[in-house]
Amino acid sequence: MSDDVTSATWGRKAPPHGQTPAVALIGPKYPHNVGMVVRLASCYGLRQVWFTGDRVSLSPTRGERLPREERMKGYRDVEVIHYEHVFDRFPAGAVPVAVEVRANSEPLHSFEHPDDALYVFGPEDGSIPKVLLTHCHRFLVIPTRHCLNLATAVATVLWDREYKRWLAGKVDVPVTPGEYENRGTSATPEDLVFGAR
């Protein structure tokens, strides 16, 4: 990820810019959560993170940027876009999925992830506004006893997506950071090999 955040302005007739799967954060409150979501998007192969609102400002001209740990060069493959009308920028085939505690939301355990999902998450201290929920085609809930932190909720959904894609044969072999970043893997001492006596 670069330190650049696109604060986008498009005309009504501009072609769609959104690439699914993607994540949209509605009115996030904390830059570290936006940064962690960018990191998660990179880890799971998503190319875009969109966010709305004015509570997180990442203007490079004012010296604002994501927290240091989220600016690693490996995340340059994720485009971070600040834009208020997120749904307008995605093609017709996108499937907006609101991750929200609501009656009749599908539980994550049995949820079948659309290939062209746009995962929509509300702010840390609130819900997705009703006017935006009308754009969503599916509703998903993470079954937990308490609400999760925003970045943790995104991590849970994206891991579940990747796991179910692997189970369905859509992902050949799970990749590890050591393999992807060409860092190798840790050697296992012989006495720790399973089944050794």
N, C-alpha and C. Protein backbone atom coordinates (compact mmCIF):
# COMPACT_ATOMS: atom_id res chain seq x y z
N MET A 1 0.84 -1.17 0.00
CA MET A 1 0.00 0.00 0.00
C MET A 1 0.88 1.22 0.00
N SER A 2 0.55 2.19 -0.79
CA SER A 2 1.28 3.43 -0.75
C SER A 2 0.67 4.30 0.34
N ASP A 3 1.34 5.40 0.64
CA ASP A 3 0.77 6.32 1.63
C ASP A 3 -0.35 7.15 1.05
N ASP A 4 -0.59 7.01 -0.26
CA ASP A 4 -1.61 7.80 -0.92
C ASP A 4 -2.99 7.23 -0.65
N VAL A 5 -3.90 8.14 -0.32
CA VAL A 5 -5.30 7.79 -0.18
C VAL A 5 -6.03 8.61 -1.22
N THR A 6 -6.78 7.96 -2.06
CA THR A 6 -7.52 8.66 -3.08
C THR A 6 -8.78 9.24 -2.46
N SER A 7 -8.87 10.59 -2.43
CA SER A 7 -10.12 11.24 -2.06
C SER A 7 -10.79 11.54 -3.39
N ALA A 8 -11.69 10.67 -3.77
CA ALA A 8 -12.18 10.63 -5.14
C ALA A 8 -13.35 11.55 -5.38
N THR A 9 -13.39 12.07 -6.59
CA THR A 9 -14.56 12.79 -7.09
C THR A 9 -14.80 12.28 -8.50
N TRP A 10 -15.96 11.72 -8.72
CA TRP A 10 -16.33 11.21 -10.04
C TRP A 10 -17.63 11.86 -10.45
N GLY A 11 -17.77 12.07 -11.74
CA GLY A 11 -19.04 12.54 -12.27
C GLY A 11 -20.05 11.41 -12.31
N ARG A 12 -21.31 11.75 -12.46
CA ARG A 12 -22.35 10.73 -12.44
C ARG A 12 -22.20 9.72 -13.57
N LYS A 13 -21.60 10.11 -14.69
CA LYS A 13 -21.48 9.21 -15.83
C LYS A 13 -20.13 8.53 -15.91
N ALA A 14 -19.32 8.69 -14.88
CA ALA A 14 -18.01 8.05 -14.88
C ALA A 14 -18.18 6.53 -14.80
N PRO A 15 -17.31 5.77 -15.45
CA PRO A 15 -17.42 4.31 -15.38
C PRO A 15 -17.13 3.82 -13.95
N PRO A 16 -17.64 2.64 -13.60
CA PRO A 16 -17.38 2.10 -12.25
C PRO A 16 -15.88 1.94 -12.00
N HIS A 17 -15.49 2.19 -10.79
CA HIS A 17 -14.08 2.07 -10.40
C HIS A 17 -13.88 0.92 -9.41
N GLY A 18 -14.95 0.50 -8.77
CA GLY A 18 -14.86 -0.55 -7.74
C GLY A 18 -14.49 -1.90 -8.31
N GLN A 19 -13.63 -2.62 -7.58
CA GLN A 19 -13.21 -3.96 -7.95
C GLN A 19 -13.55 -4.92 -6.81
N THR A 20 -14.37 -5.89 -7.11
CA THR A 20 -14.73 -6.86 -6.07
C THR A 20 -13.79 -8.06 -6.13
N PRO A 21 -13.62 -8.75 -5.00
CA PRO A 21 -14.15 -8.42 -3.69
C PRO A 21 -13.44 -7.19 -3.11
N ALA A 22 -14.17 -6.47 -2.27
CA ALA A 22 -13.63 -5.26 -1.65
C ALA A 22 -14.29 -5.08 -0.29
N VAL A 23 -13.74 -4.13 0.46
CA VAL A 23 -14.29 -3.78 1.78
C VAL A 23 -14.66 -2.31 1.76
N ALA A 24 -15.82 -1.99 2.32
CA ALA A 24 -16.25 -0.60 2.51
C ALA A 24 -16.48 -0.37 4.00
N LEU A 25 -15.82 0.63 4.53
CA LEU A 25 -15.97 1.01 5.94
C LEU A 25 -16.81 2.29 5.97
N ILE A 26 -17.94 2.23 6.64
CA ILE A 26 -18.84 3.37 6.70
C ILE A 26 -18.57 4.17 7.97
N GLY A 27 -18.03 5.37 7.79
CA GLY A 27 -17.78 6.27 8.92
C GLY A 27 -16.85 5.72 9.98
N PRO A 28 -15.71 5.12 9.61
CA PRO A 28 -14.82 4.58 10.65
C PRO A 28 -14.32 5.68 11.58
N LYS A 29 -14.00 5.29 12.81
CA LYS A 29 -13.62 6.27 13.83
C LYS A 29 -12.11 6.35 14.03
N TYR A 30 -11.39 5.25 13.84
CA TYR A 30 -9.97 5.21 14.20
C TYR A 30 -9.08 4.85 13.01
N PRO A 31 -8.02 5.64 12.78
CA PRO A 31 -7.10 5.33 11.67
C PRO A 31 -6.45 3.95 11.80
N HIS A 32 -6.19 3.49 13.04
CA HIS A 32 -5.53 2.19 13.17
C HIS A 32 -6.43 1.06 12.68
N ASN A 33 -7.75 1.21 12.80
CA ASN A 33 -8.65 0.18 12.27
C ASN A 33 -8.66 0.21 10.74
N VAL A 34 -8.65 1.40 10.15
CA VAL A 34 -8.58 1.50 8.69
C VAL A 34 -7.27 0.87 8.22
N GLY A 35 -6.17 1.19 8.91
CA GLY A 35 -4.88 0.62 8.55
C GLY A 35 -4.86 -0.89 8.65
N MET A 36 -5.44 -1.42 9.69
CA MET A 36 -5.47 -2.88 9.85
C MET A 36 -6.32 -3.53 8.76
N VAL A 37 -7.40 -2.87 8.36
CA VAL A 37 -8.24 -3.42 7.29
C VAL A 37 -7.47 -3.42 5.97
N VAL A 38 -6.66 -2.39 5.73
CA VAL A 38 -5.83 -2.37 4.52
C VAL A 38 -4.85 -3.55 4.57
N ARG A 39 -4.27 -3.78 5.71
CA ARG A 39 -3.35 -4.92 5.86
C ARG A 39 -4.07 -6.24 5.60
N LEU A 40 -5.26 -6.39 6.15
CA LEU A 40 -6.05 -7.61 5.94
C LEU A 40 -6.42 -7.79 4.48
N ALA A 41 -6.79 -6.70 3.82
CA ALA A 41 -7.13 -6.78 2.40
C ALA A 41 -5.94 -7.31 1.61
N SER A 42 -4.77 -6.82 1.91
CA SER A 42 -3.57 -7.29 1.22
C SER A 42 -3.32 -8.76 1.53
N CYS A 43 -3.45 -9.14 2.77
CA CYS A 43 -3.21 -10.53 3.17
C CYS A 43 -4.14 -11.50 2.44
N TYR A 44 -5.38 -11.10 2.21
CA TYR A 44 -6.36 -11.99 1.60
C TYR A 44 -6.62 -11.68 0.12
N GLY A 45 -5.78 -10.83 -0.48
CA GLY A 45 -5.85 -10.61 -1.92
C GLY A 45 -6.93 -9.67 -2.41
N LEU A 46 -7.49 -8.83 -1.56
CA LEU A 46 -8.45 -7.82 -1.99
C LEU A 46 -7.69 -6.59 -2.45
N ARG A 47 -8.15 -5.93 -3.49
CA ARG A 47 -7.41 -4.81 -4.08
C ARG A 47 -7.87 -3.44 -3.62
N GLN A 48 -9.03 -3.36 -2.96
CA GLN A 48 -9.54 -2.04 -2.59
C GLN A 48 -10.16 -2.04 -1.19
N VAL A 49 -9.91 -0.92 -0.49
CA VAL A 49 -10.60 -0.61 0.76
C VAL A 49 -11.16 0.79 0.59
N TRP A 50 -12.46 0.91 0.72
CA TRP A 50 -13.15 2.19 0.61
C TRP A 50 -13.56 2.63 2.01
N PHE A 51 -13.58 3.94 2.26
CA PHE A 51 -14.12 4.42 3.52
C PHE A 51 -14.81 5.75 3.32
N THR A 52 -15.81 6.00 4.18
CA THR A 52 -16.60 7.23 4.10
C THR A 52 -16.42 8.03 5.38
N GLY A 53 -16.99 9.21 5.38
CA GLY A 53 -17.01 10.03 6.59
C GLY A 53 -15.78 10.90 6.74
N ASP A 54 -15.81 11.70 7.81
CA ASP A 54 -14.72 12.65 8.04
C ASP A 54 -14.02 12.44 9.39
N ARG A 55 -14.30 11.33 10.04
CA ARG A 55 -13.66 11.09 11.34
C ARG A 55 -12.25 10.58 11.19
N VAL A 56 -11.96 9.90 10.10
CA VAL A 56 -10.59 9.49 9.80
C VAL A 56 -10.12 10.33 8.63
N SER A 57 -9.07 11.08 8.86
CA SER A 57 -8.49 11.91 7.81
C SER A 57 -7.09 11.40 7.52
N LEU A 58 -6.84 11.12 6.26
CA LEU A 58 -5.54 10.59 5.85
C LEU A 58 -4.98 11.44 4.72
N SER A 59 -5.01 12.75 4.91
CA SER A 59 -4.55 13.67 3.88
C SER A 59 -3.03 13.78 3.89
N PRO A 60 -2.37 13.32 2.81
CA PRO A 60 -0.90 13.42 2.77
C PRO A 60 -0.42 14.86 2.79
N THR A 61 -1.22 15.79 2.27
CA THR A 61 -0.79 17.20 2.26
C THR A 61 -0.74 17.77 3.67
N ARG A 62 -1.46 17.17 4.60
CA ARG A 62 -1.40 17.61 6.00
C ARG A 62 -0.50 16.69 6.83
N GLY A 63 0.20 15.81 6.16
CA GLY A 63 1.11 14.91 6.88
C GLY A 63 0.41 13.77 7.58
N GLU A 64 -0.86 13.52 7.24
CA GLU A 64 -1.62 12.44 7.87
C GLU A 64 -1.44 11.16 7.07
N ARG A 65 -1.29 10.07 7.76
CA ARG A 65 -1.19 8.79 7.09
C ARG A 65 -1.55 7.67 8.04
N LEU A 66 -1.61 6.48 7.50
CA LEU A 66 -1.97 5.33 8.31
C LEU A 66 -0.88 5.06 9.35
N PRO A 67 -1.24 4.38 10.44
CA PRO A 67 -0.24 4.05 11.46
C PRO A 67 0.96 3.32 10.85
N ARG A 68 2.11 3.50 11.43
CA ARG A 68 3.38 3.00 10.89
C ARG A 68 3.35 1.51 10.54
N GLU A 69 2.79 0.70 11.42
CA GLU A 69 2.82 -0.74 11.19
C GLU A 69 1.95 -1.15 9.99
N GLU A 70 1.09 -0.27 9.52
CA GLU A 70 0.24 -0.59 8.38
C GLU A 70 0.77 0.00 7.07
N ARG A 71 1.96 0.58 7.08
CA ARG A 71 2.50 1.19 5.88
C ARG A 71 3.63 0.36 5.27
N MET A 72 3.65 -0.92 5.55
CA MET A 72 4.70 -1.77 5.00
C MET A 72 4.55 -1.86 3.49
N LYS A 73 5.67 -2.00 2.78
CA LYS A 73 5.63 -1.98 1.32
C LYS A 73 4.81 -3.11 0.71
N GLY A 74 4.59 -4.17 1.44
CA GLY A 74 3.80 -5.27 0.91
C GLY A 74 2.35 -4.91 0.66
N TYR A 75 1.90 -3.77 1.20
CA TYR A 75 0.49 -3.41 1.07
C TYR A 75 0.24 -2.40 -0.04
N ARG A 76 1.23 -2.17 -0.87
CA ARG A 76 1.06 -1.24 -2.00
C ARG A 76 0.05 -1.73 -3.01
N ASP A 77 -0.32 -3.00 -2.92
CA ASP A 77 -1.27 -3.56 -3.88
C ASP A 77 -2.72 -3.25 -3.51
N VAL A 78 -2.96 -2.53 -2.42
CA VAL A 78 -4.31 -2.19 -2.00
C VAL A 78 -4.55 -0.70 -2.21
N GLU A 79 -5.59 -0.39 -2.95
CA GLU A 79 -5.97 1.00 -3.18
C GLU A 79 -6.92 1.43 -2.06
N VAL A 80 -6.60 2.54 -1.41
CA VAL A 80 -7.42 3.07 -0.33
C VAL A 80 -8.16 4.28 -0.89
N ILE A 81 -9.50 4.23 -0.84
CA ILE A 81 -10.31 5.26 -1.49
C ILE A 81 -11.28 5.86 -0.49
N HIS A 82 -11.21 7.17 -0.32
CA HIS A 82 -12.15 7.90 0.54
C HIS A 82 -13.21 8.51 -0.38
N TYR A 83 -14.44 7.99 -0.27
CA TYR A 83 -15.51 8.44 -1.16
C TYR A 83 -16.85 8.18 -0.48
N GLU A 84 -17.74 9.16 -0.55
CA GLU A 84 -18.99 9.07 0.20
C GLU A 84 -20.05 8.17 -0.44
N HIS A 85 -20.03 8.03 -1.76
CA HIS A 85 -21.09 7.28 -2.45
C HIS A 85 -20.52 5.98 -3.00
N VAL A 86 -20.06 5.14 -2.12
CA VAL A 86 -19.35 3.91 -2.47
C VAL A 86 -20.14 3.05 -3.45
N PHE A 87 -21.41 2.83 -3.19
CA PHE A 87 -22.20 1.90 -4.00
C PHE A 87 -22.31 2.35 -5.46
N ASP A 88 -22.23 3.66 -5.69
CA ASP A 88 -22.33 4.18 -7.05
C ASP A 88 -21.13 3.81 -7.91
N ARG A 89 -20.04 3.42 -7.31
CA ARG A 89 -18.80 3.20 -8.05
C ARG A 89 -18.55 1.74 -8.39
N PHE A 90 -19.46 0.85 -8.00
CA PHE A 90 -19.27 -0.57 -8.27
C PHE A 90 -20.16 -1.02 -9.42
N PRO A 91 -19.67 -1.98 -10.23
CA PRO A 91 -20.49 -2.46 -11.34
C PRO A 91 -21.73 -3.20 -10.86
N ALA A 92 -22.67 -3.38 -11.77
CA ALA A 92 -23.96 -3.98 -11.43
C ALA A 92 -23.83 -5.37 -10.82
N GLY A 93 -22.80 -6.13 -11.15
CA GLY A 93 -22.65 -7.49 -10.63
C GLY A 93 -22.15 -7.58 -9.20
N ALA A 94 -21.76 -6.47 -8.62
CA ALA A 94 -21.27 -6.48 -7.23
C ALA A 94 -22.41 -6.84 -6.28
N VAL A 95 -22.06 -7.57 -5.21
CA VAL A 95 -23.06 -7.98 -4.22
C VAL A 95 -22.69 -7.34 -2.88
N PRO A 96 -23.34 -6.21 -2.55
CA PRO A 96 -23.07 -5.58 -1.25
C PRO A 96 -23.58 -6.45 -0.10
N VAL A 97 -22.68 -6.77 0.82
CA VAL A 97 -23.00 -7.61 1.98
C VAL A 97 -22.81 -6.77 3.23
N ALA A 98 -23.89 -6.44 3.90
CA ALA A 98 -23.81 -5.67 5.15
C ALA A 98 -23.48 -6.62 6.29
N VAL A 99 -22.39 -6.34 6.98
CA VAL A 99 -22.02 -7.13 8.15
C VAL A 99 -22.57 -6.36 9.35
N GLU A 100 -23.69 -6.85 9.85
CA GLU A 100 -24.48 -6.07 10.80
C GLU A 100 -25.32 -7.00 11.67
N VAL A 101 -25.45 -6.65 12.93
CA VAL A 101 -26.33 -7.40 13.83
C VAL A 101 -27.76 -6.94 13.55
N ARG A 102 -28.51 -7.79 12.85
CA ARG A 102 -29.89 -7.47 12.48
C ARG A 102 -30.71 -8.75 12.53
N ALA A 103 -32.00 -8.58 12.67
CA ALA A 103 -32.90 -9.74 12.57
C ALA A 103 -32.77 -10.30 11.15
N ASN A 104 -32.75 -11.59 11.05
CA ASN A 104 -32.68 -12.30 9.77
C ASN A 104 -31.35 -12.20 9.03
N SER A 105 -30.29 -11.71 9.69
CA SER A 105 -28.97 -11.76 9.06
C SER A 105 -28.52 -13.21 9.00
N GLU A 106 -27.78 -13.56 7.96
CA GLU A 106 -27.26 -14.92 7.83
C GLU A 106 -26.06 -15.09 8.75
N PRO A 107 -26.00 -16.18 9.52
CA PRO A 107 -24.84 -16.40 10.39
C PRO A 107 -23.61 -16.77 9.55
N LEU A 108 -22.47 -16.29 9.96
CA LEU A 108 -21.23 -16.53 9.22
C LEU A 108 -20.94 -18.02 9.04
N HIS A 109 -21.30 -18.84 10.04
CA HIS A 109 -21.02 -20.28 9.96
C HIS A 109 -21.53 -20.91 8.67
N SER A 110 -22.71 -20.52 8.23
CA SER A 110 -23.32 -21.14 7.05
C SER A 110 -23.36 -20.21 5.84
N PHE A 111 -22.76 -19.06 5.94
CA PHE A 111 -22.81 -18.05 4.87
C PHE A 111 -22.00 -18.50 3.66
N GLU A 112 -22.60 -18.38 2.48
CA GLU A 112 -21.90 -18.64 1.23
C GLU A 112 -21.49 -17.30 0.64
N HIS A 113 -20.18 -17.07 0.59
CA HIS A 113 -19.66 -15.78 0.14
C HIS A 113 -19.81 -15.61 -1.37
N PRO A 114 -20.42 -14.51 -1.81
CA PRO A 114 -20.47 -14.24 -3.24
C PRO A 114 -19.06 -13.96 -3.77
N ASP A 115 -18.77 -14.40 -4.98
CA ASP A 115 -17.46 -14.10 -5.57
C ASP A 115 -17.23 -12.61 -5.69
N ASP A 116 -18.28 -11.86 -6.03
CA ASP A 116 -18.17 -10.42 -6.26
C ASP A 116 -18.69 -9.62 -5.07
N ALA A 117 -18.29 -10.01 -3.87
CA ALA A 117 -18.79 -9.36 -2.66
C ALA A 117 -18.14 -8.00 -2.43
N LEU A 118 -18.95 -7.07 -1.95
CA LEU A 118 -18.49 -5.82 -1.36
C LEU A 118 -18.93 -5.88 0.09
N TYR A 119 -17.99 -6.14 0.99
CA TYR A 119 -18.31 -6.28 2.41
C TYR A 119 -18.41 -4.90 3.04
N VAL A 120 -19.56 -4.59 3.62
CA VAL A 120 -19.85 -3.27 4.16
C VAL A 120 -19.92 -3.36 5.67
N PHE A 121 -19.06 -2.59 6.34
CA PHE A 121 -18.98 -2.59 7.80
C PHE A 121 -19.32 -1.21 8.33
N GLY A 122 -20.10 -1.18 9.40
CA GLY A 122 -20.43 0.09 10.05
C GLY A 122 -19.30 0.58 10.94
N PRO A 123 -19.49 1.74 11.56
CA PRO A 123 -18.45 2.31 12.42
C PRO A 123 -18.30 1.56 13.73
N GLU A 124 -17.20 1.84 14.41
CA GLU A 124 -16.91 1.19 15.68
C GLU A 124 -17.96 1.49 16.75
N ASP A 125 -18.61 2.62 16.63
CA ASP A 125 -19.54 3.07 17.68
C ASP A 125 -20.98 3.22 17.17
N GLY A 126 -21.31 2.45 16.14
CA GLY A 126 -22.67 2.59 15.62
C GLY A 126 -22.98 1.52 14.60
N SER A 127 -23.99 1.80 13.79
CA SER A 127 -24.47 0.85 12.79
C SER A 127 -24.41 1.49 11.41
N ILE A 128 -24.59 0.68 10.41
CA ILE A 128 -24.68 1.17 9.04
C ILE A 128 -26.00 1.93 8.93
N PRO A 129 -25.98 3.17 8.44
CA PRO A 129 -27.23 3.93 8.32
C PRO A 129 -28.25 3.22 7.42
N LYS A 130 -29.53 3.38 7.76
CA LYS A 130 -30.60 2.70 7.03
C LYS A 130 -30.58 3.02 5.55
N VAL A 131 -30.27 4.25 5.20
CA VAL A 131 -30.26 4.63 3.79
C VAL A 131 -29.22 3.82 3.01
N LEU A 132 -28.13 3.44 3.65
CA LEU A 132 -27.10 2.64 3.00
C LEU A 132 -27.45 1.15 3.02
N LEU A 133 -28.17 0.72 4.04
CA LEU A 133 -28.60 -0.68 4.10
C LEU A 133 -29.51 -1.04 2.93
N THR A 134 -30.23 -0.06 2.40
CA THR A 134 -31.12 -0.34 1.27
C THR A 134 -30.34 -0.75 0.02
N HIS A 135 -29.05 -0.43 -0.03
CA HIS A 135 -28.20 -0.81 -1.16
C HIS A 135 -27.67 -2.24 -1.02
N CYS A 136 -27.78 -2.80 0.16
CA CYS A 136 -27.17 -4.11 0.42
C CYS A 136 -28.11 -5.24 0.01
N HIS A 137 -27.55 -6.27 -0.61
CA HIS A 137 -28.33 -7.41 -1.09
C HIS A 137 -28.37 -8.55 -0.08
N ARG A 138 -27.34 -8.64 0.76
CA ARG A 138 -27.25 -9.72 1.75
C ARG A 138 -26.86 -9.10 3.09
N PHE A 139 -27.21 -9.82 4.15
CA PHE A 139 -26.91 -9.36 5.50
C PHE A 139 -26.27 -10.51 6.26
N LEU A 140 -25.16 -10.20 6.91
CA LEU A 140 -24.33 -11.21 7.55
C LEU A 140 -24.08 -10.82 9.00
N VAL A 141 -24.14 -11.81 9.89
CA VAL A 141 -23.82 -11.57 11.29
C VAL A 141 -22.74 -12.57 11.71
N ILE A 142 -21.80 -12.09 12.51
CA ILE A 142 -20.77 -12.95 13.08
C ILE A 142 -21.28 -13.38 14.45
N PRO A 143 -21.59 -14.66 14.63
CA PRO A 143 -22.15 -15.10 15.91
C PRO A 143 -21.10 -15.04 17.03
N THR A 144 -21.19 -14.04 17.86
CA THR A 144 -20.31 -13.89 19.03
C THR A 144 -21.16 -13.38 20.20
N ARG A 145 -20.63 -13.52 21.39
CA ARG A 145 -21.36 -13.06 22.58
C ARG A 145 -21.37 -11.54 22.70
N HIS A 146 -20.34 -10.89 22.16
CA HIS A 146 -20.23 -9.43 22.22
C HIS A 146 -19.80 -8.92 20.85
N CYS A 147 -19.94 -7.63 20.63
CA CYS A 147 -19.51 -7.03 19.36
C CYS A 147 -17.99 -7.10 19.25
N LEU A 148 -17.51 -7.33 18.05
CA LEU A 148 -16.07 -7.38 17.79
C LEU A 148 -15.55 -5.99 17.43
N ASN A 149 -14.28 -5.78 17.65
CA ASN A 149 -13.61 -4.61 17.14
C ASN A 149 -13.75 -4.61 15.62
N LEU A 150 -13.79 -3.45 14.98
CA LEU A 150 -13.99 -3.36 13.53
C LEU A 150 -12.97 -4.19 12.76
N ALA A 151 -11.69 -4.01 13.05
CA ALA A 151 -10.66 -4.75 12.31
C ALA A 151 -10.78 -6.25 12.56
N THR A 152 -11.14 -6.64 13.77
CA THR A 152 -11.31 -8.06 14.07
C THR A 152 -12.49 -8.64 13.31
N ALA A 153 -13.56 -7.87 13.18
CA ALA A 153 -14.71 -8.33 12.41
C ALA A 153 -14.33 -8.54 10.94
N VAL A 154 -13.58 -7.60 10.37
CA VAL A 154 -13.14 -7.74 8.98
C VAL A 154 -12.25 -8.97 8.85
N ALA A 155 -11.32 -9.15 9.81
CA ALA A 155 -10.43 -10.31 9.76
C ALA A 155 -11.21 -11.62 9.79
N THR A 156 -12.22 -11.69 10.63
CA THR A 156 -13.02 -12.90 10.76
C THR A 156 -13.75 -13.22 9.46
N VAL A 157 -14.35 -12.22 8.84
CA VAL A 157 -15.11 -12.43 7.60
C VAL A 157 -14.17 -12.82 6.46
N LEU A 158 -13.03 -12.12 6.34
CA LEU A 158 -12.12 -12.43 5.23
C LEU A 158 -11.46 -13.79 5.40
N TRP A 159 -11.14 -14.18 6.64
CA TRP A 159 -10.59 -15.52 6.85
C TRP A 159 -11.64 -16.57 6.48
N ASP A 160 -12.87 -16.36 6.91
CA ASP A 160 -13.94 -17.31 6.60
C ASP A 160 -14.12 -17.42 5.08
N ARG A 161 -14.06 -16.30 4.39
CA ARG A 161 -14.17 -16.31 2.93
C ARG A 161 -13.06 -17.17 2.31
N GLU A 162 -11.83 -16.93 2.74
CA GLU A 162 -10.69 -17.66 2.18
C GLU A 162 -10.78 -19.15 2.50
N TYR A 163 -11.16 -19.48 3.72
CA TYR A 163 -11.28 -20.88 4.12
C TYR A 163 -12.34 -21.60 3.29
N LYS A 164 -13.50 -20.97 3.12
CA LYS A 164 -14.57 -21.61 2.35
C LYS A 164 -14.21 -21.68 0.87
N ARG A 165 -13.47 -20.73 0.36
CA ARG A 165 -13.00 -20.81 -1.03
C ARG A 165 -12.04 -22.00 -1.19
N TRP A 166 -11.20 -22.23 -0.20
CA TRP A 166 -10.28 -23.37 -0.23
C TRP A 166 -11.07 -24.68 -0.18
N LEU A 167 -12.06 -24.76 0.71
CA LEU A 167 -12.88 -25.97 0.80
C LEU A 167 -13.60 -26.26 -0.52
N ALA A 168 -14.00 -25.20 -1.23
CA ALA A 168 -14.73 -25.36 -2.49
C ALA A 168 -13.81 -25.58 -3.69
N GLY A 169 -12.49 -25.61 -3.44
CA GLY A 169 -11.55 -25.83 -4.54
C GLY A 169 -11.27 -24.60 -5.37
N LYS A 170 -11.63 -23.42 -4.88
CA LYS A 170 -11.39 -22.18 -5.62
C LYS A 170 -9.99 -21.63 -5.38
N VAL A 171 -9.32 -22.15 -4.37
CA VAL A 171 -7.95 -21.76 -4.05
C VAL A 171 -7.13 -23.04 -4.07
N ASP A 172 -6.09 -23.08 -4.87
CA ASP A 172 -5.31 -24.31 -5.03
C ASP A 172 -4.66 -24.77 -3.73
N VAL A 173 -3.73 -24.00 -3.24
CA VAL A 173 -2.98 -24.37 -2.05
C VAL A 173 -2.92 -23.15 -1.14
N PRO A 174 -3.21 -23.32 0.12
CA PRO A 174 -3.08 -22.17 1.01
C PRO A 174 -1.65 -21.62 0.97
N VAL A 175 -1.53 -20.33 0.90
CA VAL A 175 -0.22 -19.68 0.85
C VAL A 175 0.14 -19.19 2.25
N THR A 176 1.42 -19.19 2.54
CA THR A 176 1.89 -18.67 3.83
C THR A 176 2.70 -17.41 3.57
N PRO A 177 2.83 -16.52 4.58
CA PRO A 177 3.63 -15.32 4.38
C PRO A 177 5.07 -15.65 3.96
N GLY A 178 5.64 -16.70 4.50
CA GLY A 178 7.00 -17.06 4.14
C GLY A 178 7.14 -17.39 2.66
N GLU A 179 6.14 -18.09 2.13
CA GLU A 179 6.16 -18.43 0.71
C GLU A 179 5.90 -17.21 -0.16
N TYR A 180 4.89 -16.43 0.18
CA TYR A 180 4.49 -15.29 -0.64
C TYR A 180 5.58 -14.21 -0.66
N GLU A 181 6.20 -13.98 0.47
CA GLU A 181 7.22 -12.94 0.57
C GLU A 181 8.63 -13.47 0.35
N ASN A 182 8.72 -14.74 -0.06
CA ASN A 182 10.03 -15.37 -0.30
C ASN A 182 10.96 -15.29 0.91
N ARG A 183 10.38 -15.51 2.09
CA ARG A 183 11.19 -15.51 3.31
C ARG A 183 11.46 -16.92 3.79
N GLY A 184 10.91 -17.91 3.12
CA GLY A 184 11.09 -19.28 3.55
C GLY A 184 10.19 -19.60 4.72
N THR A 185 10.39 -20.78 5.25
CA THR A 185 9.62 -21.21 6.42
C THR A 185 10.58 -21.63 7.50
N SER A 186 10.10 -21.66 8.71
CA SER A 186 10.94 -22.07 9.83
C SER A 186 11.15 -23.57 9.79
N ALA A 187 12.37 -23.99 10.03
CA ALA A 187 12.65 -25.43 10.10
C ALA A 187 12.10 -25.98 11.41
N THR A 188 11.60 -27.19 11.36
CA THR A 188 11.08 -27.83 12.56
C THR A 188 12.13 -28.80 13.09
N PRO A 189 12.53 -28.65 14.34
CA PRO A 189 13.49 -29.60 14.91
C PRO A 189 12.92 -31.02 14.86
N GLU A 190 13.79 -31.98 14.66
CA GLU A 190 13.33 -33.37 14.53
C GLU A 190 12.54 -33.85 15.74
N ASP A 191 12.90 -33.34 16.91
CA ASP A 191 12.20 -33.83 18.10
C ASP A 191 10.78 -33.26 18.21
N LEU A 192 10.44 -32.31 17.35
CA LEU A 192 9.09 -31.75 17.36
C LEU A 192 8.22 -32.29 16.23
N VAL A 193 8.79 -33.12 15.40
CA VAL A 193 8.02 -33.68 14.29
C VAL A 193 6.93 -34.58 14.85
N PHE A 194 5.71 -34.40 14.36
CA PHE A 194 4.61 -35.20 14.86
C PHE A 194 4.82 -36.67 14.60
N GLY A 195 4.54 -37.46 15.57
CA GLY A 195 4.68 -38.90 15.46
C GLY A 195 6.08 -39.41 15.80
N ALA A 196 7.04 -38.49 16.01
CA ALA A 196 8.41 -38.94 16.34
C ALA A 196 8.41 -39.45 17.78
N ARG A 197 9.20 -40.50 18.03
CA ARG A 197 9.28 -41.06 19.39
C ARG A 197 10.71 -41.11 19.84
